[in-house]
Amino acid sequence: MKQPPGYEDPSYPGHVCHLQRSLYGLKQAPRAWFNRLQEFLTSTGFLASKTDVPLFYYTTGNSRVYLLVYVDDIIMMGNDSALIDTLLGQLSTAFKIRDLGTPHFFLGIENVPSGDGFVLSQCRYMKDILTRSGMTDCKALATPAAVTQPATPSLTPFENLTQYRRIVGALQYLTITRPDLSYSALLKRVLRYIKGTQDYGLRLSLSASSDLHAYTDSDWAGCPVDRKSTSGYAVFLGNNLVSWVSRKQRTVARSSTEAEYKGLADVSAEVTWVISLLRELGLHSGSPATLWCDNLGATYLAANPVFHARTKHVEIDYHFVRDKVASGDFIVSFVSTKDQLAVIFTKPLPAPRYQALRDKLNVVALQPCA
């Protein structure tokens, strides 16, 4: 991938780490392999991340190299090609490895160059899911959740529970590159949506900013079974989506403000983790993260140290968010529902609205899958 002028300088505002090497390690027991690798890396100057267990990093001057390990598969990345070659040579003296060059296919995820960035795609994986589920010739749909026909629980069990669970598990792995699938309910409808969007993936690109900002949204008592609310958030590093979730809340919210504030607490915890990782790697911009919420009550509560009687039962979440705001780590701001990106994670949407939000999450189409 072509590097822009000034890329080698870590102070460059669009600085990112390109994926430089994909390695294949020893076929040993995963734990023994990881322990041996960790011991070797530590002896050669790598530091083990305290925030993300399988991540190691090496810094010298303005050069940085990161090494991400999954069992015996490794991705090495950094901003200094010569240093990467040196470290790769040291690694090859202790382990029998294969250097596969710039990664194009890693853990079922394809890395497709696109302009000033790349797209992470699981096109082949989607085709396999459709084949396994017998849905290769199904009719495509524009959204994974219906607006006019809300999902309702059924007392009739699926005839093949094992197949159902396998497909659900496969779809969960697919959300690594398809955040637009995070909020969904009916399995066959999701598969029909995938049928029409097999060539979509998550785009990552150079960004003029490295500031963190996040959108958070919640419905209220949306589950017809237990009346729990669903929260969702999207965390961006510059222009790039780096973390997202759609999750039912653990307890029943007694007001829409409480539901939204619980969602605000969840995204606060996630952003705190992201900031910790960025600081450890020397990549944090130092600017406070901005959290965007479309509920005025929750926004005011984050800035107002006075408890109201109807919000005292959310005291723990309240103090967690308030401490972050008071310390200057976060800024909680109001965003209109029209501009709320996280709504795609909390409720069904009409096709035009859904597709517009999908675009803003950087889920884009590539050339049709082969």
Protein backbone atom coordinates (compact mmCIF):
# COMPACT_ATOMS: atom_id res chain seq x y z
CA MET A 1 0.00 0.00 0.00
CA LYS A 2 1.40 3.39 -0.94
CA GLN A 3 2.44 5.50 2.04
CA PRO A 4 1.61 9.23 2.10
CA PRO A 5 4.34 11.86 2.54
CA GLY A 6 5.46 12.10 6.15
CA TYR A 7 4.16 8.64 7.03
CA GLU A 8 7.43 7.54 8.63
CA ASP A 9 7.04 10.35 11.17
CA PRO A 10 4.78 9.15 14.04
CA SER A 11 3.60 12.73 14.54
CA TYR A 12 1.98 12.66 11.09
CA PRO A 13 -1.75 13.22 11.76
CA GLY A 14 -2.82 10.31 9.58
CA HIS A 15 -0.30 7.90 11.10
CA VAL A 16 -1.44 4.30 11.12
CA CYS A 17 0.38 0.98 11.18
CA HIS A 18 0.23 -0.95 7.95
CA LEU A 19 0.01 -4.73 8.10
CA GLN A 20 3.51 -5.74 7.06
CA ARG A 21 3.99 -9.45 7.73
CA SER A 22 1.81 -12.49 8.15
CA LEU A 23 3.63 -15.41 9.77
CA TYR A 24 2.80 -19.03 10.39
CA GLY A 25 4.32 -20.55 13.51
CA LEU A 26 5.09 -23.94 14.97
CA LYS A 27 2.42 -26.64 15.12
CA GLN A 28 2.63 -27.08 18.89
CA ALA A 29 0.13 -27.03 21.71
CA PRO A 30 -1.29 -23.45 21.72
CA ARG A 31 -0.34 -22.65 25.34
CA ALA A 32 3.18 -24.09 25.05
CA TRP A 33 3.69 -22.20 21.78
CA PHE A 34 2.45 -18.93 23.23
CA ASN A 35 4.52 -19.24 26.43
CA ARG A 36 7.68 -19.97 24.48
CA LEU A 37 7.02 -17.10 22.08
CA GLN A 38 6.29 -14.70 24.94
CA GLU A 39 9.55 -15.65 26.67
CA PHE A 40 11.53 -15.10 23.46
CA LEU A 41 9.91 -11.77 22.63
CA THR A 42 10.52 -10.45 26.13
CA SER A 43 14.19 -11.40 25.87
CA THR A 44 14.55 -9.47 22.58
CA GLY A 45 13.05 -6.22 23.89
CA PHE A 46 9.34 -6.65 23.15
CA LEU A 47 6.90 -5.58 25.83
CA ALA A 48 3.75 -7.57 26.53
CA SER A 49 0.63 -5.43 26.49
CA LYS A 50 -1.14 -5.14 29.83
CA THR A 51 -4.34 -4.14 28.07
CA ASP A 52 -4.62 -6.73 25.29
CA VAL A 53 -3.10 -10.11 26.17
CA PRO A 54 -2.04 -11.41 22.70
CA LEU A 55 -0.40 -8.09 21.73
CA PHE A 56 3.33 -7.29 21.98
CA TYR A 57 5.11 -4.11 20.96
CA TYR A 58 8.67 -2.90 20.38
CA THR A 59 9.68 0.76 20.33
CA THR A 60 12.97 2.47 19.59
CA GLY A 61 13.21 6.16 18.78
CA ASN A 62 10.36 7.01 16.43
CA SER A 63 10.01 3.40 15.24
CA ARG A 64 7.26 1.12 16.47
CA VAL A 65 6.53 -2.52 15.72
CA TYR A 66 3.49 -4.45 16.95
CA LEU A 67 3.01 -8.18 16.98
CA LEU A 68 -0.45 -9.73 17.31
CA VAL A 69 -0.65 -13.45 18.13
CA TYR A 70 -3.55 -15.84 17.66
CA VAL A 71 -2.51 -19.40 18.63
CA ASP A 72 0.34 -19.98 16.11
CA ASP A 73 -0.65 -17.33 13.58
CA ILE A 74 1.03 -13.93 13.84
CA ILE A 75 0.63 -10.52 12.26
CA MET A 76 3.59 -8.15 12.52
CA MET A 77 3.00 -4.49 11.74
CA GLY A 78 4.81 -1.20 12.17
CA ASN A 79 6.14 2.00 10.64
CA ASP A 80 9.75 0.87 10.05
CA SER A 81 10.27 -1.82 7.42
CA ALA A 82 13.98 -2.25 8.23
CA LEU A 83 13.24 -2.83 11.91
CA ILE A 84 10.53 -5.32 11.00
CA ASP A 85 13.01 -7.27 8.85
CA THR A 86 15.54 -7.30 11.71
CA LEU A 87 13.01 -8.54 14.25
CA LEU A 88 11.70 -11.09 11.78
CA GLY A 89 15.24 -12.42 11.35
CA GLN A 90 15.64 -12.76 15.12
CA LEU A 91 12.33 -14.57 15.34
CA SER A 92 13.34 -17.04 12.61
CA THR A 93 16.47 -18.02 14.56
CA ALA A 94 14.38 -19.38 17.42
CA PHE A 95 11.31 -20.69 15.58
CA LYS A 96 10.55 -22.46 12.34
CA ILE A 97 8.30 -19.93 10.63
CA ARG A 98 7.01 -19.06 7.18
CA ASP A 99 6.93 -15.42 6.14
CA LEU A 100 3.80 -15.00 4.01
CA GLY A 101 4.47 -11.33 3.28
CA THR A 102 1.74 -8.71 3.38
CA PRO A 103 -1.33 -10.50 4.75
CA HIS A 104 -4.13 -11.01 2.27
CA PHE A 105 -6.08 -13.70 4.13
CA PHE A 106 -5.82 -14.12 7.89
CA LEU A 107 -8.13 -16.13 10.17
CA GLY A 108 -10.79 -16.19 7.47
CA ILE A 109 -10.60 -12.41 6.95
CA GLU A 110 -9.42 -11.05 3.61
CA ASN A 111 -7.44 -7.80 3.45
CA VAL A 112 -8.35 -6.00 0.21
CA PRO A 113 -6.42 -2.77 -0.70
CA SER A 114 -8.77 0.16 -1.32
CA GLY A 115 -7.49 3.66 -2.09
CA ASP A 116 -5.64 5.03 0.95
CA GLY A 117 -6.67 2.08 3.12
CA PHE A 118 -8.05 -1.43 2.92
CA VAL A 119 -11.28 -3.34 3.38
CA LEU A 120 -11.61 -6.30 5.75
CA SER A 121 -13.85 -8.82 4.01
CA GLN A 122 -15.28 -12.24 4.91
CA CYS A 123 -16.81 -12.84 1.51
CA ARG A 124 -15.76 -16.49 1.30
CA TYR A 125 -16.99 -17.09 4.81
CA MET A 126 -20.40 -15.66 3.93
CA LYS A 127 -20.67 -17.94 0.92
CA ASP A 128 -19.84 -20.90 3.13
CA ILE A 129 -22.53 -19.91 5.67
CA LEU A 130 -25.15 -19.68 2.95
CA THR A 131 -24.10 -23.08 1.56
CA ARG A 132 -24.18 -24.77 4.97
CA SER A 133 -27.62 -23.34 5.69
CA GLY A 134 -29.04 -24.25 2.27
CA MET A 135 -29.74 -20.58 1.46
CA THR A 136 -27.52 -20.03 -1.58
CA ASP A 137 -30.54 -19.43 -3.83
CA CYS A 138 -32.66 -17.48 -1.34
CA LYS A 139 -34.25 -14.11 -2.09
CA ALA A 140 -32.09 -11.19 -0.95
CA LEU A 141 -33.44 -8.60 1.50
CA ALA A 142 -32.37 -4.98 2.10
CA THR A 143 -32.16 -5.14 5.92
CA PRO A 144 -31.50 -7.86 8.53
CA ALA A 145 -34.48 -6.88 10.71
CA ALA A 146 -38.07 -6.09 9.74
CA VAL A 147 -39.78 -2.87 10.78
CA THR A 148 -43.37 -3.98 10.16
CA GLN A 149 -43.12 -7.48 11.65
CA PRO A 150 -41.34 -7.41 15.02
CA ALA A 151 -39.73 -10.64 16.16
CA THR A 152 -41.80 -12.64 18.64
CA PRO A 153 -40.73 -15.72 20.62
CA SER A 154 -41.88 -19.13 19.41
CA LEU A 155 -42.65 -22.13 21.58
CA THR A 156 -41.97 -24.52 18.70
CA PRO A 157 -38.31 -25.66 18.76
CA PHE A 158 -36.26 -25.67 15.57
CA GLU A 159 -36.15 -29.14 14.04
CA ASN A 160 -32.35 -29.23 13.92
CA LEU A 161 -30.98 -27.42 16.98
CA THR A 162 -27.35 -28.31 16.24
CA GLN A 163 -27.48 -26.74 12.78
CA TYR A 164 -29.25 -23.67 14.16
CA ARG A 165 -26.59 -23.13 16.81
CA ARG A 166 -23.76 -23.62 14.33
CA ILE A 167 -25.19 -21.01 11.98
CA VAL A 168 -25.76 -18.55 14.83
CA GLY A 169 -22.18 -19.06 16.01
CA ALA A 170 -20.89 -18.53 12.46
CA LEU A 171 -22.86 -15.30 12.16
CA GLN A 172 -21.36 -14.04 15.42
CA TYR A 173 -17.87 -14.44 13.94
CA LEU A 174 -19.05 -12.61 10.83
CA THR A 175 -19.75 -9.46 12.88
CA ILE A 176 -15.96 -8.95 13.07
CA THR A 177 -16.17 -7.24 9.68
CA ARG A 178 -19.93 -6.64 9.48
CA PRO A 179 -21.07 -4.37 12.32
CA ASP A 180 -24.32 -3.86 10.42
CA LEU A 181 -25.31 -7.41 11.46
CA SER A 182 -25.01 -6.72 15.18
CA TYR A 183 -28.72 -6.02 15.72
CA SER A 184 -30.80 -8.83 14.26
CA ALA A 185 -33.29 -11.44 15.41
CA LEU A 186 -34.65 -13.82 12.77
CA LEU A 187 -32.03 -16.20 11.43
CA LYS A 188 -33.42 -16.70 7.92
CA ARG A 189 -33.94 -12.98 7.43
CA VAL A 190 -30.30 -12.32 8.37
CA LEU A 191 -29.17 -14.94 5.85
CA ARG A 192 -31.31 -13.32 3.16
CA TYR A 193 -29.72 -9.96 3.95
CA ILE A 194 -26.26 -11.54 3.69
CA LYS A 195 -27.22 -13.01 0.33
CA GLY A 196 -27.55 -9.49 -1.06
CA THR A 197 -24.48 -8.02 0.67
CA GLN A 198 -21.80 -10.70 0.28
CA ASP A 199 -19.40 -8.19 -1.25
CA TYR A 200 -19.54 -5.81 1.74
CA GLY A 201 -16.74 -5.37 4.29
CA LEU A 202 -15.35 -2.94 6.84
CA ARG A 203 -13.13 -0.19 5.44
CA LEU A 204 -10.16 1.23 7.37
CA SER A 205 -8.27 4.20 5.96
CA LEU A 206 -5.84 6.99 6.78
CA SER A 207 -7.45 9.62 8.96
CA ALA A 208 -6.49 13.25 9.48
CA SER A 209 -7.52 12.86 13.14
CA SER A 210 -6.71 10.31 15.82
CA ASP A 211 -9.31 11.57 18.30
CA LEU A 212 -11.80 9.17 19.85
CA HIS A 213 -15.53 9.71 19.58
CA ALA A 214 -18.39 7.33 20.26
CA TYR A 215 -22.13 7.16 19.67
CA THR A 216 -24.41 5.44 22.15
CA ASP A 217 -28.10 4.62 21.94
CA SER A 218 -30.70 2.49 23.74
CA ASP A 219 -34.27 1.51 23.18
CA TRP A 220 -36.54 1.24 26.23
CA ALA A 221 -38.08 -2.05 27.34
CA GLY A 222 -37.84 -3.32 23.78
CA CYS A 223 -37.74 -7.04 24.56
CA PRO A 224 -41.34 -8.39 24.63
CA VAL A 225 -40.33 -11.29 26.88
CA ASP A 226 -38.59 -9.62 29.84
CA ARG A 227 -38.93 -5.90 28.95
CA LYS A 228 -35.18 -5.34 29.12
CA SER A 229 -33.70 -2.63 26.93
CA THR A 230 -31.10 -3.00 24.18
CA SER A 231 -28.00 -0.81 24.15
CA GLY A 232 -25.62 -0.21 21.30
CA TYR A 233 -22.53 1.86 20.67
CA ALA A 234 -20.02 2.66 17.94
CA VAL A 235 -16.49 3.83 18.81
CA PHE A 236 -14.45 5.67 16.18
CA LEU A 237 -10.71 6.38 16.12
CA GLY A 238 -10.58 9.30 13.74
CA ASN A 239 -12.75 8.22 10.80
CA ASN A 240 -12.39 4.50 11.49
CA LEU A 241 -14.84 2.33 13.38
CA VAL A 242 -12.81 0.30 15.90
CA SER A 243 -15.37 -1.07 18.36
CA TRP A 244 -19.12 -1.67 18.41
CA VAL A 245 -21.75 -3.68 20.24
CA SER A 246 -25.46 -4.42 20.35
CA ARG A 247 -26.42 -5.98 23.68
CA LYS A 248 -29.45 -6.45 25.87
CA GLN A 249 -29.08 -4.77 29.26
CA ARG A 250 -28.79 -6.97 32.35
CA THR A 251 -31.56 -5.29 34.31
CA VAL A 252 -34.92 -3.71 33.53
CA ALA A 253 -34.74 0.08 33.13
CA ARG A 254 -37.49 2.05 34.85
CA SER A 255 -37.26 5.02 32.48
CA SER A 256 -35.87 5.86 29.06
CA THR A 257 -33.27 8.07 30.74
CA GLU A 258 -32.09 5.15 32.84
CA ALA A 259 -31.86 2.91 29.78
CA GLU A 260 -29.84 5.54 27.91
CA TYR A 261 -27.59 6.19 30.90
CA LYS A 262 -26.81 2.50 31.26
CA GLY A 263 -25.80 2.53 27.62
CA LEU A 264 -23.64 5.59 28.30
CA ALA A 265 -21.91 3.73 31.14
CA ASP A 266 -21.23 0.75 28.85
CA VAL A 267 -19.61 2.85 26.14
CA SER A 268 -17.64 4.74 28.81
CA ALA A 269 -16.12 1.46 29.97
CA GLU A 270 -15.26 0.49 26.38
CA VAL A 271 -13.69 3.87 25.56
CA THR A 272 -11.69 3.70 28.79
CA TRP A 273 -10.23 0.39 27.60
CA VAL A 274 -9.44 1.78 24.14
CA ILE A 275 -7.72 4.82 25.65
CA SER A 276 -5.67 2.56 27.93
CA LEU A 277 -4.50 0.53 24.93
CA LEU A 278 -3.67 3.60 22.85
CA ARG A 279 -1.71 5.17 25.70
CA GLU A 280 0.25 1.98 26.21
CA LEU A 281 1.16 1.89 22.53
CA GLY A 282 2.02 5.60 22.44
CA LEU A 283 -0.79 6.38 20.00
CA HIS A 284 -3.23 8.37 22.12
CA SER A 285 -3.78 11.92 20.90
CA GLY A 286 -4.28 13.26 24.45
CA SER A 287 -7.62 14.85 23.57
CA PRO A 288 -10.69 13.89 25.62
CA ALA A 289 -13.04 11.39 24.01
CA THR A 290 -16.44 12.70 22.95
CA LEU A 291 -19.50 10.57 23.69
CA TRP A 292 -22.62 11.39 21.67
CA CYS A 293 -26.02 10.63 23.20
CA ASP A 294 -29.47 11.54 21.84
CA ASN A 295 -31.21 11.58 25.24
CA LEU A 296 -31.16 15.01 26.91
CA GLY A 297 -31.92 13.52 30.33
CA ALA A 298 -28.87 11.24 30.20
CA THR A 299 -26.70 14.05 28.81
CA TYR A 300 -27.71 16.42 31.63
CA LEU A 301 -27.26 13.69 34.25
CA ALA A 302 -23.65 13.17 33.15
CA ALA A 303 -22.88 16.83 33.88
CA ASN A 304 -25.19 17.48 36.86
CA PRO A 305 -23.90 16.32 40.28
CA VAL A 306 -27.39 16.47 41.81
CA PHE A 307 -29.33 13.20 42.08
CA HIS A 308 -33.03 13.09 41.51
CA ALA A 309 -35.20 10.60 43.40
CA ARG A 310 -36.07 8.67 40.26
CA THR A 311 -32.41 8.21 39.26
CA LYS A 312 -30.81 7.23 42.58
CA HIS A 313 -30.97 3.52 41.73
CA VAL A 314 -28.44 4.03 38.91
CA GLU A 315 -25.88 5.53 41.27
CA ILE A 316 -22.94 3.26 40.35
CA ASP A 317 -23.21 3.95 36.62
CA TYR A 318 -23.78 7.61 37.42
CA HIS A 319 -20.57 7.99 39.44
CA PHE A 320 -18.51 6.03 36.90
CA VAL A 321 -19.49 8.34 34.04
CA ARG A 322 -19.40 11.48 36.21
CA ASP A 323 -15.82 10.74 37.32
CA LYS A 324 -14.72 10.43 33.70
CA VAL A 325 -16.39 13.71 32.79
CA ALA A 326 -15.05 15.52 35.87
CA SER A 327 -11.49 14.33 35.18
CA GLY A 328 -11.64 15.65 31.61
CA ASP A 329 -11.28 12.21 30.01
CA PHE A 330 -14.72 12.38 28.40
CA ILE A 331 -17.04 15.01 27.01
CA VAL A 332 -20.70 13.95 26.85
CA SER A 333 -22.58 15.82 24.13
CA PHE A 334 -26.08 15.73 22.75
CA VAL A 335 -26.69 14.55 19.20
CA SER A 336 -30.05 14.58 17.45
CA THR A 337 -31.74 11.27 16.80
CA LYS A 338 -31.39 11.98 13.08
CA ASP A 339 -27.59 12.01 13.42
CA GLN A 340 -27.34 9.16 15.94
CA LEU A 341 -25.26 6.41 14.31
CA ALA A 342 -25.72 3.87 17.10
CA VAL A 343 -29.46 3.58 16.44
CA ILE A 344 -28.55 0.87 13.90
CA PHE A 345 -27.58 -1.31 16.90
CA THR A 346 -30.79 -0.94 18.90
CA LYS A 347 -33.85 -1.18 16.66
CA PRO A 348 -35.14 -2.17 13.19
CA LEU A 349 -34.94 0.60 10.60
CA PRO A 350 -36.41 1.28 7.14
CA ALA A 351 -34.06 0.35 4.30
CA PRO A 352 -33.04 3.94 3.28
CA ARG A 353 -32.21 4.94 6.86
CA TYR A 354 -30.46 1.64 7.55
CA GLN A 355 -28.31 1.84 4.43
CA ALA A 356 -27.32 5.45 5.14
CA LEU A 357 -26.13 4.49 8.63
CA ARG A 358 -24.35 1.43 7.28
CA ASP A 359 -22.36 3.71 4.97
CA LYS A 360 -21.38 5.92 7.92
CA LEU A 361 -20.05 2.85 9.75
CA ASN A 362 -17.66 2.39 6.79
CA VAL A 363 -19.29 -0.87 5.70
CA VAL A 364 -18.73 -0.65 1.95
CA ALA A 365 -19.13 -2.80 -1.15
CA LEU A 366 -16.21 -4.29 -3.06
CA GLN A 367 -16.23 -6.03 -6.41
CA PRO A 368 -18.68 -8.95 -6.42
CA CYS A 369 -17.26 -12.06 -4.77
CA ALA A 370 -15.84 -14.73 -7.03
